[in-house]
Amino acid sequence: MADQQQYPNLNPYSKFDGSNDTANVQSNVGGQSNMTEQAKGTANNLMNSKQTKQYQQISPPNIPQKQVPPNMSLISDAQSAMDSVKNSQTVQNIQNGPVADKARAETAAVNNEFSNLANSRQTPNTQTATGQPLTHYHSMFYTLLSWENPRATAISYAAIVLAIFAFRYLPIVRYSLRLTWIVLGITAAAEVAGRVAFGQGMATKMRPKQYYTIPRETLDSMIGDLEQLVNFFVIEFQRILFAENISATIGAFASALTTYFLIKVTPAWGLALLFTTVIYFVPLIYISNKELIDSHLENAGKIVNEQTQQVRDLASQHTSKAMEASQQTFKQYSARASEMVGQTKEKAVQQGVAAKEQAVNQGIISPETADRTEESLRSAPSAPATELPGHAQDAMQAEHRTAEPVLQ
């Protein structure tokens, strides 16, 4: 037995010495029983935990489970799909690509230009010829039509053109009335149906607690802007009418004359489109070719001034000639008239109607003429002594009496 193979001690609690074998065996038997009891306890615990989990998974029949509505699940699915599309690489490339950057830059530029256009509404320092101040719409329209903010000006032109075509090809008034009766009909039907079904109308539920009103400050600012806009047109019309700027007056005359002839063959919307295009693009053409146009205008002004001076010189020459001719004619007629008057007075002296001394003293005739007249009367043959009838003598005396006071 001494040569019997020795097996190692598998009890971890035993010591590796050779004493107390019986105690070791008993301790080994006790350890095995303890291990058996521990294994049984572990198995029972596992069974209890398994049964607990099974009972927890099985819900009681009298407690209803919370069910997720199908609509919420659809909404969550749609939201997840949108999030997946939004977070996809393609969408990210588009949002962060050069096209998106260009669009954002253009949007910011447009907003900036409209802000500049709104800030340009300031009363200018320039005044009219009568000393009156201008309106802030003068500066705003100047800024708009001078293309200082090209995006804002182009957008405003496109909006006006679209409005003209909309009023031409779309029945705006009819659509407005149609939308009005549709909205009012839906509101009335919803109110009646709500009162019949629920005892309270749908429009009543949607009614706000307080109706919206326009603040007084907003109305005052709108009225002030309207006043400035009306005065802008009134002032500009008067400045054109009274030729404060001759170029503007000539341009308005040409526009009115052209409109007078075009209105016979062109509809109103066509004229509106034409004049809108002219108002917007003539300043642009002038700004783009300012040096060339200014040089041509300067040459035209010189030519006009030269022609005006030539016409003025010709007019002054003809006027001086006409004055000289009229003066000579007046002198001739004056001399002829004085000669005729003198001859008439001389005849009166010769006929004895006026006395010689009286005629000389009053300057009717000269003394020499009076002497010649007296000598001619003396040398003249005497008339035959014939008596005139009584009525002839009375007529002669009456003629002498009426002629004498004229010469006195």
Protein backbone atom coordinates (compact mmCIF):
# COMPACT_ATOMS: atom_id res chain seq x y z
CA MET A 1 0.00 0.00 0.00
CA ALA A 2 2.98 2.12 0.44
CA ASP A 3 3.51 2.02 -3.33
CA GLN A 4 -0.15 3.08 -4.00
CA GLN A 5 -0.42 6.14 -6.17
CA GLN A 6 -1.20 9.26 -4.20
CA TYR A 7 -3.85 11.58 -5.67
CA PRO A 8 -3.71 15.24 -4.91
CA ASN A 9 -6.06 16.76 -2.37
CA LEU A 10 -8.78 18.62 -4.16
CA ASN A 11 -10.12 20.33 -1.03
CA PRO A 12 -9.04 23.96 -1.18
CA TYR A 13 -9.58 24.39 2.56
CA SER A 14 -7.27 21.55 3.52
CA LYS A 15 -3.63 21.90 4.22
CA PHE A 16 -1.01 19.94 2.27
CA ASP A 17 0.55 18.31 5.30
CA GLY A 18 0.10 14.56 6.04
CA SER A 19 -1.30 14.90 9.61
CA ASN A 20 -4.92 14.62 10.65
CA ASP A 21 -6.10 12.60 7.65
CA THR A 22 -9.28 11.64 9.38
CA ALA A 23 -10.03 15.27 10.13
CA ASN A 24 -9.27 16.11 6.56
CA VAL A 25 -11.65 13.43 5.31
CA GLN A 26 -14.37 14.62 7.63
CA SER A 27 -13.75 18.17 6.61
CA ASN A 28 -13.86 17.11 2.97
CA VAL A 29 -17.20 15.35 3.53
CA GLY A 30 -18.52 18.45 5.32
CA GLY A 31 -17.27 20.69 2.52
CA GLN A 32 -18.97 18.54 -0.05
CA SER A 33 -22.26 18.74 1.83
CA ASN A 34 -21.89 22.50 2.12
CA MET A 35 -21.18 22.79 -1.59
CA THR A 36 -24.28 20.70 -2.31
CA GLU A 37 -26.44 22.99 -0.19
CA GLN A 38 -24.94 26.07 -1.87
CA ALA A 39 -25.66 24.60 -5.29
CA LYS A 40 -29.25 23.88 -4.29
CA GLY A 41 -29.68 27.47 -3.04
CA THR A 42 -28.24 28.88 -6.22
CA ALA A 43 -30.58 26.74 -8.32
CA ASN A 44 -33.59 27.87 -6.26
CA ASN A 45 -32.59 31.51 -6.69
CA LEU A 46 -32.28 31.05 -10.43
CA MET A 47 -35.72 29.43 -10.61
CA ASN A 48 -37.29 32.21 -8.55
CA SER A 49 -35.75 34.97 -10.69
CA LYS A 50 -36.87 33.21 -13.87
CA GLN A 51 -40.42 32.86 -12.58
CA THR A 52 -40.37 36.55 -11.52
CA LYS A 53 -39.32 37.64 -14.96
CA GLN A 54 -42.04 35.47 -16.51
CA TYR A 55 -44.64 37.00 -14.18
CA GLN A 56 -43.36 40.46 -14.99
CA GLN A 57 -43.63 39.83 -18.73
CA ILE A 58 -47.22 38.58 -18.38
CA SER A 59 -49.50 41.62 -17.71
CA PRO A 60 -52.60 41.18 -15.61
CA PRO A 61 -55.78 40.84 -17.61
CA ASN A 62 -57.58 43.64 -15.78
CA ILE A 63 -54.87 46.31 -16.45
CA PRO A 64 -55.08 47.70 -20.04
CA GLN A 65 -51.84 48.26 -21.89
CA LYS A 66 -50.97 51.64 -23.36
CA GLN A 67 -51.22 51.39 -27.09
CA VAL A 68 -49.50 53.86 -29.46
CA PRO A 69 -51.96 55.47 -31.93
CA PRO A 70 -51.27 54.66 -35.55
CA ASN A 71 -51.20 58.38 -36.46
CA MET A 72 -48.43 59.03 -34.00
CA SER A 73 -46.44 56.21 -35.41
CA LEU A 74 -46.93 57.57 -38.93
CA ILE A 75 -45.87 61.02 -37.78
CA SER A 76 -42.80 59.63 -36.07
CA ASP A 77 -41.93 57.64 -39.19
CA ALA A 78 -42.35 60.71 -41.37
CA GLN A 79 -40.25 62.78 -38.98
CA SER A 80 -37.52 60.18 -38.97
CA ALA A 81 -37.63 60.04 -42.78
CA MET A 82 -37.34 63.82 -42.99
CA ASP A 83 -34.48 63.80 -40.54
CA SER A 84 -32.71 61.13 -42.53
CA VAL A 85 -33.20 63.11 -45.75
CA LYS A 86 -32.07 66.31 -44.06
CA ASN A 87 -28.99 64.67 -42.66
CA SER A 88 -28.12 62.90 -45.88
CA GLN A 89 -24.87 63.66 -47.61
CA THR A 90 -26.57 65.04 -50.75
CA VAL A 91 -28.65 67.56 -48.84
CA GLN A 92 -25.65 68.61 -46.79
CA ASN A 93 -23.63 69.13 -49.95
CA ILE A 94 -26.42 71.23 -51.44
CA GLN A 95 -26.85 73.32 -48.28
CA ASN A 96 -23.15 73.90 -47.88
CA GLY A 97 -22.26 74.05 -51.56
CA PRO A 98 -21.38 77.09 -53.68
CA VAL A 99 -24.95 77.49 -54.98
CA ALA A 100 -26.35 77.79 -51.47
CA ASP A 101 -23.59 80.21 -50.48
CA LYS A 102 -24.34 82.34 -53.56
CA ALA A 103 -28.06 82.34 -52.78
CA ARG A 104 -27.45 83.41 -49.19
CA ALA A 105 -25.09 86.15 -50.33
CA GLU A 106 -27.62 87.46 -52.88
CA THR A 107 -30.40 87.42 -50.28
CA ALA A 108 -28.28 89.40 -47.87
CA ALA A 109 -27.39 91.89 -50.64
CA VAL A 110 -31.05 92.36 -51.59
CA ASN A 111 -32.03 93.00 -47.97
CA ASN A 112 -29.19 95.47 -47.62
CA GLU A 113 -30.18 97.38 -50.76
CA PHE A 114 -33.82 97.62 -49.70
CA SER A 115 -32.67 98.93 -46.33
CA ASN A 116 -30.56 101.57 -48.10
CA LEU A 117 -33.54 102.53 -50.24
CA ALA A 118 -35.74 102.91 -47.16
CA ASN A 119 -33.10 104.97 -45.38
CA SER A 120 -32.81 107.33 -48.37
CA ARG A 121 -36.22 108.82 -47.57
CA GLN A 122 -34.85 112.09 -46.21
CA THR A 123 -35.80 115.65 -47.09
CA PRO A 124 -33.06 116.98 -49.43
CA ASN A 125 -31.33 120.32 -48.92
CA THR A 126 -32.27 121.43 -52.44
CA GLN A 127 -35.23 123.80 -52.64
CA THR A 128 -37.56 124.88 -55.41
CA ALA A 129 -37.25 128.16 -57.31
CA THR A 130 -39.78 129.67 -54.90
CA GLY A 131 -37.73 128.63 -51.85
CA GLN A 132 -40.02 125.76 -50.78
CA PRO A 133 -38.50 122.53 -49.42
CA LEU A 134 -38.87 119.29 -51.34
CA THR A 135 -40.34 116.04 -49.99
CA HIS A 136 -38.42 112.96 -48.90
CA TYR A 137 -39.91 111.11 -51.88
CA HIS A 138 -37.71 113.25 -54.14
CA SER A 139 -34.58 111.69 -52.65
CA MET A 140 -36.10 108.20 -52.57
CA PHE A 141 -37.19 108.24 -56.23
CA TYR A 142 -33.85 109.72 -57.24
CA THR A 143 -32.06 106.88 -55.45
CA LEU A 144 -34.43 104.33 -56.98
CA LEU A 145 -34.17 105.54 -60.58
CA SER A 146 -30.44 106.26 -60.47
CA TRP A 147 -29.77 102.52 -60.02
CA GLU A 148 -27.59 103.07 -56.95
CA ASN A 149 -29.17 99.87 -55.60
CA PRO A 150 -29.51 97.77 -58.78
CA ARG A 151 -31.16 94.74 -57.20
CA ALA A 152 -33.86 96.79 -55.47
CA THR A 153 -34.51 98.83 -58.63
CA ALA A 154 -34.72 95.72 -60.82
CA ILE A 155 -37.09 94.00 -58.37
CA SER A 156 -39.36 97.07 -58.24
CA TYR A 157 -39.44 97.26 -62.06
CA ALA A 158 -40.27 93.53 -62.31
CA ALA A 159 -43.03 93.93 -59.71
CA ILE A 160 -44.63 96.82 -61.63
CA VAL A 161 -44.45 94.90 -64.93
CA LEU A 162 -45.99 91.80 -63.35
CA ALA A 163 -48.76 93.94 -61.85
CA ILE A 164 -49.50 95.46 -65.27
CA PHE A 165 -49.72 92.02 -66.90
CA ALA A 166 -51.78 90.70 -63.99
CA PHE A 167 -54.34 93.49 -64.34
CA ARG A 168 -54.33 92.95 -68.11
CA TYR A 169 -54.73 89.17 -68.31
CA LEU A 170 -56.20 88.22 -64.91
CA PRO A 171 -59.65 89.23 -63.67
CA ILE A 172 -58.39 90.47 -60.32
CA VAL A 173 -61.72 91.95 -59.24
CA ARG A 174 -63.59 88.79 -60.13
CA TYR A 175 -61.10 86.60 -58.25
CA SER A 176 -61.32 88.89 -55.23
CA LEU A 177 -65.11 88.66 -55.15
CA ARG A 178 -64.94 84.90 -55.59
CA LEU A 179 -62.50 84.49 -52.72
CA THR A 180 -64.70 86.74 -50.58
CA TRP A 181 -67.90 84.75 -51.05
CA ILE A 182 -66.05 81.43 -50.60
CA VAL A 183 -64.52 82.51 -47.29
CA LEU A 184 -67.76 84.00 -46.01
CA GLY A 185 -69.74 80.91 -47.08
CA ILE A 186 -67.34 78.55 -45.30
CA THR A 187 -67.45 80.69 -42.17
CA ALA A 188 -71.25 80.83 -42.12
CA ALA A 189 -71.62 77.07 -42.77
CA ALA A 190 -69.12 76.18 -40.04
CA GLU A 191 -70.91 78.46 -37.58
CA VAL A 192 -74.34 77.02 -38.33
CA ALA A 193 -73.09 73.40 -38.27
CA GLY A 194 -71.29 73.97 -34.98
CA ARG A 195 -74.36 75.48 -33.34
CA VAL A 196 -76.59 72.62 -34.53
CA ALA A 197 -74.19 69.82 -33.61
CA PHE A 198 -72.34 71.15 -30.57
CA GLY A 199 -74.36 74.13 -29.44
CA GLN A 200 -71.48 76.51 -30.21
CA GLY A 201 -70.31 77.73 -33.60
CA MET A 202 -66.88 77.05 -35.03
CA ALA A 203 -66.33 80.69 -35.94
CA THR A 204 -67.17 81.63 -32.36
CA LYS A 205 -64.41 79.34 -31.09
CA MET A 206 -61.94 80.83 -33.55
CA ARG A 207 -62.88 84.40 -32.68
CA PRO A 208 -59.99 86.26 -31.00
CA LYS A 209 -60.37 87.73 -27.56
CA GLN A 210 -59.82 91.21 -29.00
CA TYR A 211 -60.16 92.36 -32.58
CA TYR A 212 -57.09 93.71 -34.28
CA THR A 213 -56.89 97.49 -34.66
CA ILE A 214 -54.35 99.68 -36.42
CA PRO A 215 -52.36 101.74 -33.92
CA ARG A 216 -52.63 105.51 -34.09
CA GLU A 217 -48.89 105.86 -34.63
CA THR A 218 -49.09 103.64 -37.71
CA LEU A 219 -52.02 105.64 -39.11
CA ASP A 220 -50.21 108.93 -38.49
CA SER A 221 -47.10 107.67 -40.28
CA MET A 222 -49.18 106.36 -43.19
CA ILE A 223 -51.06 109.65 -43.51
CA GLY A 224 -47.76 111.55 -43.37
CA ASP A 225 -46.28 109.37 -46.12
CA LEU A 226 -49.41 109.80 -48.24
CA GLU A 227 -49.21 113.57 -47.82
CA GLN A 228 -45.56 113.58 -48.86
CA LEU A 229 -46.32 111.40 -51.90
CA VAL A 230 -49.20 113.62 -53.09
CA ASN A 231 -47.13 116.76 -52.59
CA PHE A 232 -44.29 115.18 -54.57
CA PHE A 233 -46.49 114.91 -57.67
CA VAL A 234 -48.06 118.35 -57.12
CA ILE A 235 -44.69 120.09 -56.74
CA GLU A 236 -43.14 118.31 -59.72
CA PHE A 237 -46.11 119.18 -61.94
CA GLN A 238 -45.79 122.86 -61.06
CA ARG A 239 -42.02 122.84 -61.55
CA ILE A 240 -42.51 121.37 -65.02
CA LEU A 241 -45.41 123.70 -65.85
CA PHE A 242 -43.52 126.88 -64.95
CA ALA A 243 -40.28 125.73 -66.63
CA GLU A 244 -38.05 125.59 -63.57
CA ASN A 245 -35.99 123.09 -65.55
CA ILE A 246 -36.35 123.67 -69.27
CA SER A 247 -35.10 120.18 -70.14
CA ALA A 248 -37.76 118.56 -67.97
CA THR A 249 -40.42 120.79 -69.51
CA ILE A 250 -39.34 119.84 -73.04
CA GLY A 251 -39.30 116.15 -72.08
CA ALA A 252 -42.79 116.41 -70.58
CA PHE A 253 -44.00 118.14 -73.74
CA ALA A 254 -42.57 115.36 -75.92
CA SER A 255 -44.14 112.70 -73.68
CA ALA A 256 -47.55 114.38 -73.75
CA LEU A 257 -47.41 114.78 -77.54
CA THR A 258 -46.36 111.17 -78.03
CA THR A 259 -49.10 109.96 -75.69
CA TYR A 260 -51.69 112.01 -77.58
CA PHE A 261 -50.91 110.15 -80.80
CA LEU A 262 -50.19 106.71 -79.27
CA ILE A 263 -53.40 106.56 -77.24
CA LYS A 264 -55.34 106.25 -80.49
CA VAL A 265 -53.67 102.95 -81.39
CA THR A 266 -52.19 101.65 -78.10
CA PRO A 267 -54.18 100.29 -75.13
CA ALA A 268 -53.76 101.73 -71.67
CA TRP A 269 -51.75 98.78 -70.36
CA GLY A 270 -49.35 99.09 -73.30
CA LEU A 271 -48.78 102.78 -72.57
CA ALA A 272 -48.23 102.00 -68.89
CA LEU A 273 -45.67 99.33 -69.77
CA LEU A 274 -43.94 101.64 -72.27
CA PHE A 275 -43.64 104.60 -69.90
CA THR A 276 -42.54 102.37 -67.00
CA THR A 277 -39.74 100.99 -69.16
CA VAL A 278 -38.73 104.48 -70.29
CA ILE A 279 -38.74 105.88 -66.74
CA TYR A 280 -36.57 103.04 -65.44
CA PHE A 281 -34.12 102.52 -68.31
CA VAL A 282 -33.48 106.03 -69.64
CA PRO A 283 -31.59 106.97 -66.44
CA LEU A 284 -29.69 103.68 -66.68
CA ILE A 285 -28.66 104.43 -70.27
CA TYR A 286 -27.59 107.94 -69.28
CA ILE A 287 -25.56 106.69 -66.31
CA SER A 288 -23.87 104.01 -68.43
CA ASN A 289 -22.93 106.50 -71.18
CA LYS A 290 -22.69 109.70 -69.17
CA GLU A 291 -19.51 111.11 -70.77
CA LEU A 292 -20.66 110.47 -74.34
CA ILE A 293 -24.14 111.87 -73.78
CA ASP A 294 -22.82 114.92 -71.93
CA SER A 295 -20.43 115.72 -74.78
CA HIS A 296 -23.22 115.49 -77.35
CA LEU A 297 -25.51 117.60 -75.20
CA GLU A 298 -22.78 120.21 -74.83
CA ASN A 299 -22.27 120.37 -78.59
CA ALA A 300 -25.99 120.63 -79.15
CA GLY A 301 -26.17 123.45 -76.61
CA LYS A 302 -23.41 125.33 -78.38
CA ILE A 303 -25.16 124.95 -81.73
CA VAL A 304 -28.44 126.09 -80.26
CA ASN A 305 -26.78 129.13 -78.64
CA GLU A 306 -25.07 130.06 -81.90
CA GLN A 307 -28.29 129.78 -83.86
CA THR A 308 -30.12 131.74 -81.21
CA GLN A 309 -27.52 134.51 -81.32
CA GLN A 310 -27.70 134.59 -85.13
CA VAL A 311 -31.48 134.84 -85.07
CA ARG A 312 -31.22 137.56 -82.43
CA ASP A 313 -28.78 139.56 -84.59
CA LEU A 314 -30.99 139.23 -87.66
CA ALA A 315 -34.01 140.26 -85.67
CA SER A 316 -32.20 143.34 -84.30
CA GLN A 317 -31.08 144.32 -87.83
CA HIS A 318 -34.56 143.99 -89.26
CA THR A 319 -35.98 145.85 -86.27
CA SER A 320 -33.57 148.77 -86.72
CA LYS A 321 -34.34 148.94 -90.45
CA ALA A 322 -38.05 148.89 -89.75
CA MET A 323 -37.64 151.70 -87.19
CA GLU A 324 -35.66 153.84 -89.63
CA ALA A 325 -38.22 153.30 -92.37
CA SER A 326 -41.08 154.13 -90.04
CA GLN A 327 -39.29 157.29 -88.82
CA GLN A 328 -38.67 158.48 -92.39
CA THR A 329 -42.24 157.78 -93.33
CA PHE A 330 -43.46 159.66 -90.25
CA LYS A 331 -41.25 162.63 -91.10
CA GLN A 332 -42.49 162.69 -94.68
CA TYR A 333 -46.11 162.57 -93.65
CA SER A 334 -45.50 165.19 -90.94
CA ALA A 335 -43.87 167.55 -93.46
CA ARG A 336 -46.64 166.96 -95.94
CA ALA A 337 -49.26 167.59 -93.31
CA SER A 338 -47.59 170.81 -92.12
CA GLU A 339 -47.26 171.96 -95.73
CA MET A 340 -50.92 171.35 -96.36
CA VAL A 341 -51.84 173.21 -93.16
CA GLY A 342 -49.62 176.14 -94.19
CA GLN A 343 -51.16 176.26 -97.64
CA THR A 344 -54.59 176.26 -96.11
CA LYS A 345 -53.74 179.14 -93.78
CA GLU A 346 -52.14 181.11 -96.63
CA LYS A 347 -55.25 180.69 -98.69
CA ALA A 348 -57.29 181.97 -95.78
CA VAL A 349 -55.14 185.11 -95.60
CA GLN A 350 -55.33 185.60 -99.34
CA GLN A 351 -59.08 185.32 -99.27
CA GLY A 352 -59.27 187.87 -96.48
CA VAL A 353 -60.69 185.43 -94.02
CA ALA A 354 -57.86 186.24 -91.62
CA ALA A 355 -56.10 189.60 -91.15
CA LYS A 356 -52.46 189.96 -92.14
CA GLU A 357 -51.25 191.28 -88.82
CA GLN A 358 -53.17 188.65 -86.89
CA ALA A 359 -51.81 185.85 -89.06
CA VAL A 360 -48.20 187.10 -88.65
CA ASN A 361 -48.56 187.56 -84.87
CA GLN A 362 -50.00 184.05 -84.42
CA GLY A 363 -47.27 182.56 -86.60
CA ILE A 364 -49.66 181.30 -89.19
CA ILE A 365 -47.54 182.82 -92.03
CA SER A 366 -44.22 184.55 -92.18
CA PRO A 367 -43.94 188.31 -92.83
CA GLU A 368 -42.37 187.69 -96.24
CA THR A 369 -45.25 185.45 -97.23
CA ALA A 370 -47.68 188.10 -95.98
CA ASP A 371 -45.95 190.78 -98.09
CA ARG A 372 -45.99 188.63 -101.18
CA THR A 373 -49.61 187.83 -100.60
CA GLU A 374 -50.45 191.56 -100.23
CA GLU A 375 -48.57 192.47 -103.42
CA SER A 376 -50.29 189.73 -105.35
CA LEU A 377 -53.63 190.96 -104.11
CA ARG A 378 -52.86 194.55 -105.23
CA SER A 379 -51.67 193.49 -108.65
CA ALA A 380 -54.63 191.27 -109.24
CA PRO A 381 -57.45 192.73 -111.42
CA SER A 382 -60.46 193.89 -109.58
CA ALA A 383 -63.65 192.02 -109.91
CA PRO A 384 -66.59 193.54 -111.76
CA ALA A 385 -68.83 195.59 -109.57
CA THR A 386 -71.87 193.52 -109.48
CA GLU A 387 -74.22 193.38 -106.71
CA LEU A 388 -74.99 190.05 -105.31
CA PRO A 389 -78.42 189.12 -104.32
CA GLY A 390 -79.38 189.71 -100.73
CA HIS A 391 -79.37 186.08 -99.78
CA ALA A 392 -75.86 185.64 -101.30
CA GLN A 393 -74.51 188.62 -99.33
CA ASP A 394 -76.01 187.22 -96.14
CA ALA A 395 -74.34 183.83 -96.81
CA MET A 396 -70.96 185.49 -97.44
CA GLN A 397 -71.17 187.47 -94.22
CA ALA A 398 -72.16 184.32 -92.27
CA GLU A 399 -69.16 182.48 -93.77
CA HIS A 400 -66.81 185.28 -92.68
CA ARG A 401 -68.27 185.24 -89.19
CA THR A 402 -67.81 181.48 -88.84
CA ALA A 403 -64.28 181.53 -90.24
CA GLU A 404 -62.88 184.27 -88.03
CA PRO A 405 -63.01 182.44 -84.67
CA VAL A 406 -61.09 179.51 -86.12
CA LEU A 407 -58.05 181.68 -86.76
CA GLN A 408 -58.10 183.47 -83.42
